[in-house]
Amino acid sequence: MATSPSDSNITWHEQKVKKEQRWKLNGHQGAVLWFTGMSGAGKSSIANQVDVALNEKGIRTYLLDGDNIRHGLCKDLGFSLEDRADNIRRVGEVCKLMADSGVVVLAALISPYASDRDGVRERVNGTASFCEVYVKASLETCENRDPKGLYKLAREGKIKNFTGIDDPYEKPTKPDLVLDSDTKSVPELTNETMQWVESRIKLTGN
């Protein structure tokens, strides 16, 4: 039977190379930009364009998309409350490790529960900057877009535990950045994100 760290002889092994050395080598600090919002709000589209814009400035980045993560790291998880929580926990741990290495991580996940998002912030803070980006769009807007046809399937009862239909989405109460996806385009919101990031995170490319 597998054991947990609390009842085993697992100990933390300190690394000799510190994050400050990695960040100096990169030419910039690590950070986590966590894009949250309902399906169809535009999280992945905006995060992808911000990824491109940061790379053009010589910033080392990596994009973690919620759907892509479920093809590998979290392919064993479903959409129950417990599985959703573990999905976010796993992605949060990956974000922390990558940010520690000096990468600016863009995570685009629905992450519907505030406690899960707060847990990631708590894990990342102390290692790197964590920025909760709320991609705000009404349910009506998201349903009208429905790029993957998921809302239609959820309304027909063919998908259960779908956020916004039969599962809740807990809106961020104090996000670091709000992007109004109801009224603005992806290029506009990409520019807003870039301006915000450049004013608050020390990023100087190589």
N, C-alpha and C. Protein backbone atom coordinates (compact mmCIF):
# COMPACT_ATOMS: atom_id res chain seq x y z
N MET A 1 0.84 -1.20 0.00
CA MET A 1 0.00 0.00 0.00
C MET A 1 0.87 1.24 0.00
N ALA A 2 0.52 2.21 -0.84
CA ALA A 2 1.30 3.43 -0.92
C ALA A 2 1.19 4.22 0.37
N THR A 3 2.27 4.91 0.73
CA THR A 3 2.27 5.74 1.94
C THR A 3 2.33 7.20 1.57
N SER A 4 1.85 8.05 2.45
CA SER A 4 1.93 9.50 2.24
C SER A 4 3.16 10.03 2.94
N PRO A 5 3.61 11.24 2.57
CA PRO A 5 4.81 11.80 3.20
C PRO A 5 4.72 11.87 4.71
N SER A 6 3.49 11.99 5.27
CA SER A 6 3.33 12.14 6.71
C SER A 6 3.64 10.85 7.47
N ASP A 7 3.56 9.69 6.80
CA ASP A 7 3.81 8.45 7.52
C ASP A 7 4.93 7.63 6.87
N SER A 8 5.88 8.33 6.27
CA SER A 8 7.01 7.66 5.65
C SER A 8 8.29 8.36 6.05
N ASN A 9 9.38 7.92 5.47
CA ASN A 9 10.68 8.52 5.78
C ASN A 9 11.12 9.52 4.72
N ILE A 10 10.16 10.10 4.01
CA ILE A 10 10.49 11.08 2.97
C ILE A 10 10.94 12.38 3.62
N THR A 11 12.07 12.91 3.15
CA THR A 11 12.57 14.19 3.64
C THR A 11 12.85 15.11 2.46
N TRP A 12 12.82 16.41 2.72
CA TRP A 12 13.07 17.40 1.68
C TRP A 12 14.57 17.52 1.43
N HIS A 13 14.98 17.42 0.17
CA HIS A 13 16.40 17.53 -0.19
C HIS A 13 16.66 18.93 -0.75
N GLU A 14 17.45 19.71 -0.04
CA GLU A 14 17.73 21.08 -0.45
C GLU A 14 18.60 21.12 -1.71
N GLN A 15 18.24 22.01 -2.62
CA GLN A 15 19.01 22.17 -3.86
C GLN A 15 20.08 23.24 -3.66
N LYS A 16 21.23 23.01 -4.26
CA LYS A 16 22.32 23.98 -4.13
C LYS A 16 22.14 25.19 -5.03
N VAL A 17 21.54 24.96 -6.20
CA VAL A 17 21.27 26.08 -7.10
C VAL A 17 19.94 26.72 -6.69
N LYS A 18 19.97 27.98 -6.30
CA LYS A 18 18.78 28.66 -5.82
C LYS A 18 18.04 29.34 -6.97
N LYS A 19 16.78 29.67 -6.70
CA LYS A 19 15.95 30.25 -7.76
C LYS A 19 16.53 31.57 -8.26
N GLU A 20 17.16 32.34 -7.37
CA GLU A 20 17.72 33.62 -7.79
C GLU A 20 18.79 33.43 -8.86
N GLN A 21 19.54 32.32 -8.76
CA GLN A 21 20.57 32.02 -9.77
C GLN A 21 19.91 31.64 -11.09
N ARG A 22 18.83 30.87 -11.03
CA ARG A 22 18.12 30.49 -12.25
C ARG A 22 17.49 31.71 -12.90
N TRP A 23 16.89 32.56 -12.09
CA TRP A 23 16.24 33.75 -12.63
C TRP A 23 17.27 34.68 -13.27
N LYS A 24 18.43 34.80 -12.63
CA LYS A 24 19.48 35.65 -13.19
C LYS A 24 19.95 35.12 -14.53
N LEU A 25 20.06 33.79 -14.62
CA LEU A 25 20.49 33.16 -15.87
C LEU A 25 19.45 33.40 -16.97
N ASN A 26 18.17 33.34 -16.59
CA ASN A 26 17.09 33.58 -17.56
C ASN A 26 17.04 35.03 -18.01
N GLY A 27 17.39 35.93 -17.09
CA GLY A 27 17.25 37.35 -17.38
C GLY A 27 15.93 37.91 -16.90
N HIS A 28 15.14 37.08 -16.20
CA HIS A 28 13.87 37.56 -15.65
C HIS A 28 13.38 36.60 -14.58
N GLN A 29 12.43 37.06 -13.79
CA GLN A 29 11.88 36.23 -12.72
C GLN A 29 10.80 35.29 -13.24
N GLY A 30 10.49 34.29 -12.45
CA GLY A 30 9.37 33.42 -12.77
C GLY A 30 8.08 34.01 -12.24
N ALA A 31 6.96 33.57 -12.79
CA ALA A 31 5.66 34.07 -12.36
C ALA A 31 4.57 33.12 -12.84
N VAL A 32 3.39 33.24 -12.25
CA VAL A 32 2.24 32.44 -12.67
C VAL A 32 1.08 33.38 -12.99
N LEU A 33 0.59 33.30 -14.22
CA LEU A 33 -0.62 34.03 -14.62
C LEU A 33 -1.72 32.99 -14.73
N TRP A 34 -2.68 33.05 -13.80
CA TRP A 34 -3.73 32.03 -13.72
C TRP A 34 -5.02 32.61 -14.31
N PHE A 35 -5.38 32.15 -15.51
CA PHE A 35 -6.57 32.62 -16.19
C PHE A 35 -7.77 31.74 -15.80
N THR A 36 -8.76 32.33 -15.16
CA THR A 36 -9.95 31.59 -14.74
C THR A 36 -11.20 32.21 -15.35
N GLY A 37 -12.19 31.40 -15.60
CA GLY A 37 -13.44 31.86 -16.19
C GLY A 37 -14.19 30.67 -16.75
N MET A 38 -15.44 30.88 -17.10
CA MET A 38 -16.25 29.77 -17.59
C MET A 38 -15.82 29.32 -18.98
N SER A 39 -16.25 28.14 -19.36
CA SER A 39 -15.97 27.61 -20.69
C SER A 39 -16.52 28.58 -21.74
N GLY A 40 -15.70 28.95 -22.69
CA GLY A 40 -16.13 29.86 -23.74
C GLY A 40 -15.85 31.32 -23.43
N ALA A 41 -15.29 31.60 -22.25
CA ALA A 41 -15.01 32.99 -21.88
C ALA A 41 -13.84 33.57 -22.68
N GLY A 42 -12.94 32.70 -23.13
CA GLY A 42 -11.80 33.17 -23.91
C GLY A 42 -10.46 33.00 -23.23
N LYS A 43 -10.41 32.22 -22.16
CA LYS A 43 -9.17 32.05 -21.39
C LYS A 43 -8.01 31.56 -22.26
N SER A 44 -8.23 30.47 -22.98
CA SER A 44 -7.16 29.86 -23.77
C SER A 44 -6.72 30.77 -24.91
N SER A 45 -7.68 31.43 -25.55
CA SER A 45 -7.35 32.32 -26.67
C SER A 45 -6.48 33.47 -26.20
N ILE A 46 -6.86 34.08 -25.07
CA ILE A 46 -6.09 35.21 -24.54
C ILE A 46 -4.73 34.74 -24.05
N ALA A 47 -4.71 33.64 -23.29
CA ALA A 47 -3.44 33.14 -22.77
C ALA A 47 -2.47 32.79 -23.90
N ASN A 48 -2.98 32.22 -24.99
CA ASN A 48 -2.13 31.91 -26.13
C ASN A 48 -1.51 33.15 -26.73
N GLN A 49 -2.28 34.22 -26.86
CA GLN A 49 -1.76 35.44 -27.45
C GLN A 49 -0.78 36.15 -26.51
N VAL A 50 -1.04 36.08 -25.21
CA VAL A 50 -0.10 36.64 -24.24
C VAL A 50 1.20 35.85 -24.27
N ASP A 51 1.09 34.54 -24.43
CA ASP A 51 2.26 33.67 -24.56
C ASP A 51 3.13 34.12 -25.73
N VAL A 52 2.49 34.37 -26.87
CA VAL A 52 3.20 34.84 -28.06
C VAL A 52 3.87 36.18 -27.79
N ALA A 53 3.13 37.11 -27.19
CA ALA A 53 3.65 38.46 -26.95
C ALA A 53 4.84 38.44 -26.00
N LEU A 54 4.78 37.61 -24.97
CA LEU A 54 5.89 37.52 -24.02
C LEU A 54 7.11 36.89 -24.69
N ASN A 55 6.89 35.86 -25.50
CA ASN A 55 8.01 35.24 -26.21
C ASN A 55 8.70 36.21 -27.14
N GLU A 56 7.93 37.06 -27.78
CA GLU A 56 8.51 38.05 -28.68
C GLU A 56 9.39 39.04 -27.93
N LYS A 57 9.18 39.16 -26.63
CA LYS A 57 10.00 40.03 -25.80
C LYS A 57 11.18 39.28 -25.15
N GLY A 58 11.34 38.02 -25.53
CA GLY A 58 12.45 37.25 -25.00
C GLY A 58 12.20 36.64 -23.64
N ILE A 59 10.92 36.51 -23.26
CA ILE A 59 10.56 35.93 -21.97
C ILE A 59 10.30 34.44 -22.13
N ARG A 60 10.89 33.64 -21.25
CA ARG A 60 10.65 32.19 -21.26
C ARG A 60 9.28 31.91 -20.65
N THR A 61 8.42 31.27 -21.41
CA THR A 61 7.06 31.01 -20.95
C THR A 61 6.67 29.56 -21.21
N TYR A 62 5.57 29.16 -20.57
CA TYR A 62 4.95 27.89 -20.90
C TYR A 62 3.46 28.00 -20.60
N LEU A 63 2.64 27.50 -21.53
CA LEU A 63 1.19 27.55 -21.38
C LEU A 63 0.65 26.19 -20.95
N LEU A 64 -0.09 26.19 -19.84
CA LEU A 64 -0.76 24.99 -19.35
C LEU A 64 -2.26 25.18 -19.56
N ASP A 65 -2.81 24.47 -20.53
CA ASP A 65 -4.23 24.58 -20.85
C ASP A 65 -5.01 23.46 -20.16
N GLY A 66 -6.16 23.80 -19.61
CA GLY A 66 -6.94 22.84 -18.85
C GLY A 66 -7.27 21.57 -19.61
N ASP A 67 -7.68 21.69 -20.86
CA ASP A 67 -8.01 20.51 -21.65
C ASP A 67 -6.77 19.68 -21.95
N ASN A 68 -5.67 20.35 -22.28
CA ASN A 68 -4.44 19.63 -22.59
C ASN A 68 -3.92 18.86 -21.39
N ILE A 69 -4.02 19.47 -20.21
CA ILE A 69 -3.56 18.82 -18.98
C ILE A 69 -4.31 17.50 -18.74
N ARG A 70 -5.57 17.47 -19.11
CA ARG A 70 -6.39 16.27 -18.88
C ARG A 70 -6.09 15.16 -19.89
N HIS A 71 -5.21 15.43 -20.84
CA HIS A 71 -4.75 14.37 -21.75
C HIS A 71 -3.56 13.61 -21.17
N GLY A 72 -2.94 14.18 -20.12
CA GLY A 72 -1.75 13.53 -19.59
C GLY A 72 -1.70 13.55 -18.08
N LEU A 73 -1.23 14.64 -17.51
CA LEU A 73 -1.03 14.75 -16.07
C LEU A 73 -2.28 14.39 -15.27
N CYS A 74 -3.43 14.80 -15.76
CA CYS A 74 -4.68 14.58 -15.01
C CYS A 74 -5.68 13.72 -15.77
N LYS A 75 -5.19 12.83 -16.64
CA LYS A 75 -6.09 12.02 -17.45
C LYS A 75 -6.88 11.01 -16.62
N ASP A 76 -6.44 10.77 -15.38
CA ASP A 76 -7.12 9.81 -14.52
C ASP A 76 -8.23 10.46 -13.68
N LEU A 77 -8.44 11.76 -13.85
CA LEU A 77 -9.42 12.48 -13.03
C LEU A 77 -10.70 12.76 -13.79
N GLY A 78 -11.81 12.73 -13.07
CA GLY A 78 -13.10 13.08 -13.64
C GLY A 78 -13.48 14.50 -13.28
N PHE A 79 -14.78 14.74 -13.07
CA PHE A 79 -15.24 16.10 -12.80
C PHE A 79 -16.06 16.18 -11.50
N SER A 80 -15.84 15.24 -10.61
CA SER A 80 -16.45 15.34 -9.29
C SER A 80 -15.76 16.47 -8.53
N LEU A 81 -16.34 16.87 -7.41
CA LEU A 81 -15.75 17.93 -6.61
C LEU A 81 -14.33 17.58 -6.19
N GLU A 82 -14.14 16.33 -5.79
CA GLU A 82 -12.81 15.89 -5.33
C GLU A 82 -11.82 15.87 -6.49
N ASP A 83 -12.25 15.38 -7.65
CA ASP A 83 -11.35 15.30 -8.80
C ASP A 83 -11.00 16.69 -9.33
N ARG A 84 -11.96 17.59 -9.34
CA ARG A 84 -11.66 18.97 -9.76
C ARG A 84 -10.61 19.59 -8.84
N ALA A 85 -10.76 19.36 -7.54
CA ALA A 85 -9.81 19.92 -6.58
C ALA A 85 -8.41 19.36 -6.81
N ASP A 86 -8.31 18.05 -7.06
CA ASP A 86 -7.00 17.45 -7.28
C ASP A 86 -6.40 17.89 -8.61
N ASN A 87 -7.25 18.10 -9.61
CA ASN A 87 -6.79 18.62 -10.89
C ASN A 87 -6.09 19.97 -10.70
N ILE A 88 -6.73 20.87 -9.96
CA ILE A 88 -6.15 22.19 -9.73
C ILE A 88 -4.91 22.09 -8.85
N ARG A 89 -4.94 21.21 -7.85
CA ARG A 89 -3.77 21.04 -6.99
C ARG A 89 -2.56 20.60 -7.80
N ARG A 90 -2.75 19.62 -8.67
CA ARG A 90 -1.64 19.12 -9.48
C ARG A 90 -1.08 20.21 -10.39
N VAL A 91 -1.97 20.91 -11.07
CA VAL A 91 -1.51 21.97 -11.96
C VAL A 91 -0.80 23.07 -11.17
N GLY A 92 -1.34 23.37 -9.98
CA GLY A 92 -0.69 24.37 -9.13
C GLY A 92 0.72 24.00 -8.74
N GLU A 93 0.93 22.72 -8.44
CA GLU A 93 2.28 22.27 -8.08
C GLU A 93 3.23 22.37 -9.27
N VAL A 94 2.73 22.04 -10.47
CA VAL A 94 3.56 22.18 -11.67
C VAL A 94 3.91 23.65 -11.89
N CYS A 95 2.92 24.53 -11.72
CA CYS A 95 3.16 25.97 -11.87
C CYS A 95 4.25 26.44 -10.92
N LYS A 96 4.17 25.99 -9.68
CA LYS A 96 5.16 26.40 -8.68
C LYS A 96 6.56 25.98 -9.09
N LEU A 97 6.71 24.74 -9.53
CA LEU A 97 8.03 24.24 -9.93
C LEU A 97 8.57 25.00 -11.13
N MET A 98 7.70 25.24 -12.12
CA MET A 98 8.16 25.92 -13.33
C MET A 98 8.50 27.38 -13.05
N ALA A 99 7.70 28.03 -12.20
CA ALA A 99 7.99 29.42 -11.85
C ALA A 99 9.28 29.52 -11.06
N ASP A 100 9.54 28.54 -10.20
CA ASP A 100 10.79 28.49 -9.44
C ASP A 100 11.99 28.41 -10.38
N SER A 101 11.81 27.73 -11.50
CA SER A 101 12.90 27.59 -12.47
C SER A 101 13.10 28.87 -13.30
N GLY A 102 12.18 29.82 -13.19
CA GLY A 102 12.32 31.08 -13.90
C GLY A 102 11.42 31.22 -15.09
N VAL A 103 10.47 30.31 -15.25
CA VAL A 103 9.53 30.37 -16.36
C VAL A 103 8.30 31.18 -15.94
N VAL A 104 7.76 31.96 -16.88
CA VAL A 104 6.47 32.61 -16.66
C VAL A 104 5.41 31.64 -17.16
N VAL A 105 4.61 31.10 -16.24
CA VAL A 105 3.62 30.08 -16.57
C VAL A 105 2.26 30.74 -16.77
N LEU A 106 1.62 30.40 -17.89
CA LEU A 106 0.26 30.85 -18.15
C LEU A 106 -0.64 29.64 -18.03
N ALA A 107 -1.50 29.63 -17.01
CA ALA A 107 -2.40 28.50 -16.77
C ALA A 107 -3.82 28.94 -17.10
N ALA A 108 -4.45 28.27 -18.05
CA ALA A 108 -5.81 28.60 -18.47
C ALA A 108 -6.74 27.46 -18.10
N LEU A 109 -7.42 27.60 -16.99
CA LEU A 109 -8.33 26.56 -16.51
C LEU A 109 -9.60 27.20 -15.96
N ILE A 110 -10.72 26.53 -16.14
CA ILE A 110 -11.97 27.04 -15.57
C ILE A 110 -11.80 27.26 -14.08
N SER A 111 -11.22 26.30 -13.38
CA SER A 111 -10.97 26.38 -11.93
C SER A 111 -12.12 27.08 -11.22
N PRO A 112 -13.30 26.42 -11.16
CA PRO A 112 -14.52 27.09 -10.73
C PRO A 112 -14.62 27.42 -9.25
N TYR A 113 -13.80 26.79 -8.41
CA TYR A 113 -13.96 26.98 -6.97
C TYR A 113 -12.88 27.88 -6.39
N ALA A 114 -13.32 28.88 -5.63
CA ALA A 114 -12.41 29.88 -5.08
C ALA A 114 -11.37 29.25 -4.16
N SER A 115 -11.77 28.25 -3.38
CA SER A 115 -10.84 27.62 -2.44
C SER A 115 -9.68 26.94 -3.17
N ASP A 116 -9.97 26.35 -4.33
CA ASP A 116 -8.91 25.70 -5.12
C ASP A 116 -7.94 26.74 -5.66
N ARG A 117 -8.48 27.85 -6.20
CA ARG A 117 -7.61 28.90 -6.73
C ARG A 117 -6.79 29.53 -5.61
N ASP A 118 -7.41 29.75 -4.46
CA ASP A 118 -6.68 30.31 -3.32
C ASP A 118 -5.57 29.37 -2.86
N GLY A 119 -5.82 28.08 -2.96
CA GLY A 119 -4.81 27.10 -2.59
C GLY A 119 -3.58 27.19 -3.49
N VAL A 120 -3.81 27.40 -4.78
CA VAL A 120 -2.68 27.56 -5.71
C VAL A 120 -1.91 28.83 -5.38
N ARG A 121 -2.65 29.93 -5.14
CA ARG A 121 -1.98 31.19 -4.79
C ARG A 121 -1.09 31.00 -3.56
N GLU A 122 -1.61 30.30 -2.57
CA GLU A 122 -0.85 30.07 -1.34
C GLU A 122 0.40 29.25 -1.61
N ARG A 123 0.29 28.24 -2.48
CA ARG A 123 1.45 27.40 -2.79
C ARG A 123 2.51 28.17 -3.58
N VAL A 124 2.06 29.01 -4.50
CA VAL A 124 3.00 29.71 -5.38
C VAL A 124 3.65 30.89 -4.67
N ASN A 125 2.86 31.64 -3.89
CA ASN A 125 3.40 32.81 -3.18
C ASN A 125 4.55 32.38 -2.28
N GLY A 126 5.59 33.19 -2.28
CA GLY A 126 6.80 32.83 -1.56
C GLY A 126 7.83 32.23 -2.50
N THR A 127 7.34 31.72 -3.64
CA THR A 127 8.24 31.23 -4.69
C THR A 127 8.30 32.23 -5.84
N ALA A 128 7.13 32.70 -6.27
CA ALA A 128 7.05 33.62 -7.40
C ALA A 128 5.74 34.40 -7.32
N SER A 129 5.62 35.40 -8.19
CA SER A 129 4.38 36.18 -8.24
C SER A 129 3.25 35.33 -8.79
N PHE A 130 2.09 35.40 -8.13
CA PHE A 130 0.89 34.72 -8.61
C PHE A 130 -0.15 35.77 -8.95
N CYS A 131 -0.68 35.71 -10.18
CA CYS A 131 -1.65 36.70 -10.64
C CYS A 131 -2.91 35.99 -11.10
N GLU A 132 -4.01 36.22 -10.40
CA GLU A 132 -5.29 35.64 -10.77
C GLU A 132 -5.95 36.56 -11.80
N VAL A 133 -6.13 36.05 -13.01
CA VAL A 133 -6.72 36.82 -14.10
C VAL A 133 -8.13 36.28 -14.36
N TYR A 134 -9.12 37.09 -14.07
CA TYR A 134 -10.52 36.67 -14.24
C TYR A 134 -11.01 37.09 -15.62
N VAL A 135 -11.23 36.12 -16.47
CA VAL A 135 -11.77 36.39 -17.80
C VAL A 135 -13.29 36.36 -17.66
N LYS A 136 -13.85 37.55 -17.58
CA LYS A 136 -15.26 37.73 -17.22
C LYS A 136 -16.16 37.70 -18.45
N ALA A 137 -17.11 36.78 -18.45
CA ALA A 137 -18.10 36.69 -19.53
C ALA A 137 -19.37 36.10 -18.95
N SER A 138 -20.50 36.60 -19.37
CA SER A 138 -21.77 36.11 -18.87
C SER A 138 -22.05 34.71 -19.40
N LEU A 139 -22.94 34.00 -18.71
CA LEU A 139 -23.33 32.67 -19.18
C LEU A 139 -23.94 32.77 -20.57
N GLU A 140 -24.72 33.81 -20.81
CA GLU A 140 -25.34 33.99 -22.13
C GLU A 140 -24.28 34.12 -23.22
N THR A 141 -23.25 34.92 -22.95
CA THR A 141 -22.17 35.09 -23.92
C THR A 141 -21.47 33.76 -24.19
N CYS A 142 -21.15 33.03 -23.12
CA CYS A 142 -20.45 31.76 -23.27
C CYS A 142 -21.29 30.74 -24.02
N GLU A 143 -22.58 30.71 -23.74
CA GLU A 143 -23.46 29.77 -24.45
C GLU A 143 -23.59 30.14 -25.91
N ASN A 144 -23.65 31.42 -26.21
CA ASN A 144 -23.76 31.85 -27.61
C ASN A 144 -22.50 31.49 -28.39
N ARG A 145 -21.36 31.57 -27.73
CA ARG A 145 -20.12 31.20 -28.40
C ARG A 145 -20.02 29.68 -28.53
N ASP A 146 -20.13 29.01 -27.40
CA ASP A 146 -20.10 27.54 -27.31
C ASP A 146 -19.18 26.92 -28.36
N PRO A 147 -17.88 27.27 -28.35
CA PRO A 147 -16.96 26.83 -29.41
C PRO A 147 -16.82 25.31 -29.53
N LYS A 148 -17.04 24.59 -28.43
CA LYS A 148 -16.87 23.13 -28.45
C LYS A 148 -18.21 22.39 -28.42
N GLY A 149 -19.31 23.15 -28.41
CA GLY A 149 -20.63 22.53 -28.38
C GLY A 149 -20.97 21.90 -27.04
N LEU A 150 -20.26 22.29 -25.98
CA LEU A 150 -20.43 21.64 -24.69
C LEU A 150 -21.68 22.12 -23.96
N TYR A 151 -22.00 23.39 -24.12
CA TYR A 151 -23.21 23.90 -23.43
C TYR A 151 -24.46 23.21 -23.99
N LYS A 152 -24.48 23.01 -25.29
CA LYS A 152 -25.62 22.34 -25.91
C LYS A 152 -25.78 20.93 -25.34
N LEU A 153 -24.66 20.23 -25.23
CA LEU A 153 -24.70 18.87 -24.68
C LEU A 153 -25.12 18.88 -23.21
N ALA A 154 -24.64 19.89 -22.47
CA ALA A 154 -25.00 19.99 -21.06
C ALA A 154 -26.49 20.28 -20.90
N ARG A 155 -27.02 21.16 -21.74
CA ARG A 155 -28.45 21.47 -21.68
C ARG A 155 -29.30 20.25 -22.02
N GLU A 156 -28.75 19.39 -22.86
CA GLU A 156 -29.48 18.17 -23.25
C GLU A 156 -29.29 17.04 -22.23
N GLY A 157 -28.51 17.30 -21.20
CA GLY A 157 -28.27 16.31 -20.17
C GLY A 157 -27.24 15.26 -20.54
N LYS A 158 -26.50 15.51 -21.62
CA LYS A 158 -25.51 14.54 -22.08
C LYS A 158 -24.15 14.72 -21.41
N ILE A 159 -23.96 15.87 -20.76
CA ILE A 159 -22.76 16.11 -19.96
C ILE A 159 -23.23 16.51 -18.56
N LYS A 160 -22.71 15.85 -17.56
CA LYS A 160 -23.07 16.14 -16.18
C LYS A 160 -21.96 16.96 -15.52
N ASN A 161 -22.32 17.63 -14.43
CA ASN A 161 -21.36 18.43 -13.65
C ASN A 161 -20.68 19.49 -14.50
N PHE A 162 -21.45 20.12 -15.38
CA PHE A 162 -20.88 21.12 -16.27
C PHE A 162 -20.97 22.50 -15.61
N THR A 163 -19.85 23.18 -15.52
CA THR A 163 -19.79 24.49 -14.86
C THR A 163 -20.71 25.50 -15.55
N GLY A 164 -21.53 26.15 -14.73
CA GLY A 164 -22.46 27.15 -15.24
C GLY A 164 -23.85 26.61 -15.51
N ILE A 165 -23.95 25.27 -15.64
CA ILE A 165 -25.26 24.65 -15.90
C ILE A 165 -25.73 23.89 -14.66
N ASP A 166 -25.05 22.80 -14.32
CA ASP A 166 -25.44 22.08 -13.11
C ASP A 166 -24.34 22.05 -12.06
N ASP A 167 -23.25 22.76 -12.30
CA ASP A 167 -22.21 22.99 -11.31
C ASP A 167 -21.94 24.49 -11.25
N PRO A 168 -21.58 25.00 -10.08
CA PRO A 168 -21.40 26.45 -9.95
C PRO A 168 -20.05 26.94 -10.46
N TYR A 169 -19.99 28.23 -10.75
CA TYR A 169 -18.71 28.91 -10.97
C TYR A 169 -18.63 30.03 -9.94
N GLU A 170 -17.65 29.94 -9.06
CA GLU A 170 -17.47 30.96 -8.02
C GLU A 170 -16.57 32.07 -8.55
N LYS A 171 -17.17 33.21 -8.81
CA LYS A 171 -16.42 34.33 -9.38
C LYS A 171 -15.36 34.82 -8.39
N PRO A 172 -14.19 35.18 -8.88
CA PRO A 172 -13.17 35.74 -7.99
C PRO A 172 -13.68 37.02 -7.34
N THR A 173 -13.41 37.16 -6.06
CA THR A 173 -13.84 38.37 -5.34
C THR A 173 -12.77 39.46 -5.36
N LYS A 174 -11.50 39.04 -5.43
CA LYS A 174 -10.40 40.02 -5.47
C LYS A 174 -9.35 39.57 -6.49
N PRO A 175 -9.74 39.48 -7.76
CA PRO A 175 -8.75 39.07 -8.77
C PRO A 175 -7.69 40.16 -8.97
N ASP A 176 -6.53 39.75 -9.42
CA ASP A 176 -5.48 40.73 -9.69
C ASP A 176 -5.78 41.52 -10.96
N LEU A 177 -6.49 40.89 -11.89
CA LEU A 177 -6.83 41.53 -13.16
C LEU A 177 -8.16 40.98 -13.65
N VAL A 178 -9.05 41.88 -14.10
CA VAL A 178 -10.33 41.47 -14.68
C VAL A 178 -10.33 41.84 -16.16
N LEU A 179 -10.64 40.86 -17.01
CA LEU A 179 -10.72 41.08 -18.46
C LEU A 179 -12.17 40.93 -18.89
N ASP A 180 -12.75 41.98 -19.44
CA ASP A 180 -14.16 41.98 -19.83
C ASP A 180 -14.32 41.36 -21.21
N SER A 181 -14.53 40.05 -21.21
CA SER A 181 -14.65 39.31 -22.46
C SER A 181 -16.03 39.46 -23.09
N ASP A 182 -16.98 40.04 -22.36
CA ASP A 182 -18.31 40.29 -22.92
C ASP A 182 -18.27 41.35 -24.01
N THR A 183 -17.41 42.35 -23.81
CA THR A 183 -17.44 43.53 -24.69
C THR A 183 -16.16 43.76 -25.48
N LYS A 184 -15.07 43.05 -25.12
CA LYS A 184 -13.78 43.33 -25.77
C LYS A 184 -13.25 42.10 -26.50
N SER A 185 -12.42 42.36 -27.51
CA SER A 185 -11.87 41.30 -28.35
C SER A 185 -10.63 40.69 -27.72
N VAL A 186 -10.21 39.55 -28.25
CA VAL A 186 -8.99 38.89 -27.77
C VAL A 186 -7.77 39.79 -27.91
N PRO A 187 -7.56 40.47 -29.05
CA PRO A 187 -6.41 41.38 -29.15
C PRO A 187 -6.44 42.49 -28.09
N GLU A 188 -7.63 43.05 -27.85
CA GLU A 188 -7.74 44.10 -26.83
C GLU A 188 -7.39 43.58 -25.45
N LEU A 189 -7.89 42.41 -25.12
CA LEU A 189 -7.64 41.85 -23.80
C LEU A 189 -6.20 41.36 -23.66
N THR A 190 -5.60 40.94 -24.76
CA THR A 190 -4.18 40.59 -24.74
C THR A 190 -3.34 41.81 -24.42
N ASN A 191 -3.66 42.93 -25.05
CA ASN A 191 -2.94 44.18 -24.78
C ASN A 191 -3.12 44.61 -23.33
N GLU A 192 -4.32 44.49 -22.81
CA GLU A 192 -4.58 44.85 -21.41
C GLU A 192 -3.73 43.99 -20.48
N THR A 193 -3.67 42.70 -20.77
CA THR A 193 -2.90 41.79 -19.93
C THR A 193 -1.42 42.13 -19.98
N MET A 194 -0.91 42.38 -21.16
CA MET A 194 0.50 42.72 -21.32
C MET A 194 0.86 44.00 -20.57
N GLN A 195 0.01 45.00 -20.67
CA GLN A 195 0.26 46.26 -19.97
C GLN A 195 0.28 46.03 -18.46
N TRP A 196 -0.66 45.22 -17.99
CA TRP A 196 -0.72 44.94 -16.56
C TRP A 196 0.52 44.17 -16.10
N VAL A 197 0.89 43.14 -16.85
CA VAL A 197 2.05 42.32 -16.48
C VAL A 197 3.33 43.16 -16.46
N GLU A 198 3.52 43.95 -17.49
CA GLU A 198 4.75 44.74 -17.60
C GLU A 198 4.86 45.80 -16.52
N SER A 199 3.73 46.21 -15.95
CA SER A 199 3.76 47.25 -14.91
C SER A 199 3.96 46.66 -13.51
N ARG A 200 3.81 45.34 -13.37
CA ARG A 200 3.84 44.74 -12.04
C ARG A 200 4.83 43.61 -11.84
N ILE A 201 5.30 43.01 -12.91
CA ILE A 201 6.26 41.91 -12.78
C ILE A 201 7.56 42.31 -13.47
N LYS A 202 8.65 42.06 -12.79
CA LYS A 202 9.97 42.42 -13.33
C LYS A 202 10.37 41.42 -14.40
N LEU A 203 10.12 41.82 -15.64
CA LEU A 203 10.45 40.95 -16.77
C LEU A 203 11.37 41.69 -17.73
N THR A 204 12.56 41.18 -17.88
CA THR A 204 13.50 41.71 -18.87
C THR A 204 14.06 40.53 -19.63
N GLY A 205 13.71 40.42 -20.89
CA GLY A 205 14.17 39.28 -21.67
C GLY A 205 15.65 39.31 -21.94
N ASN A 206 16.16 38.15 -22.39
CA ASN A 206 17.58 38.04 -22.71
C ASN A 206 17.95 38.87 -23.93
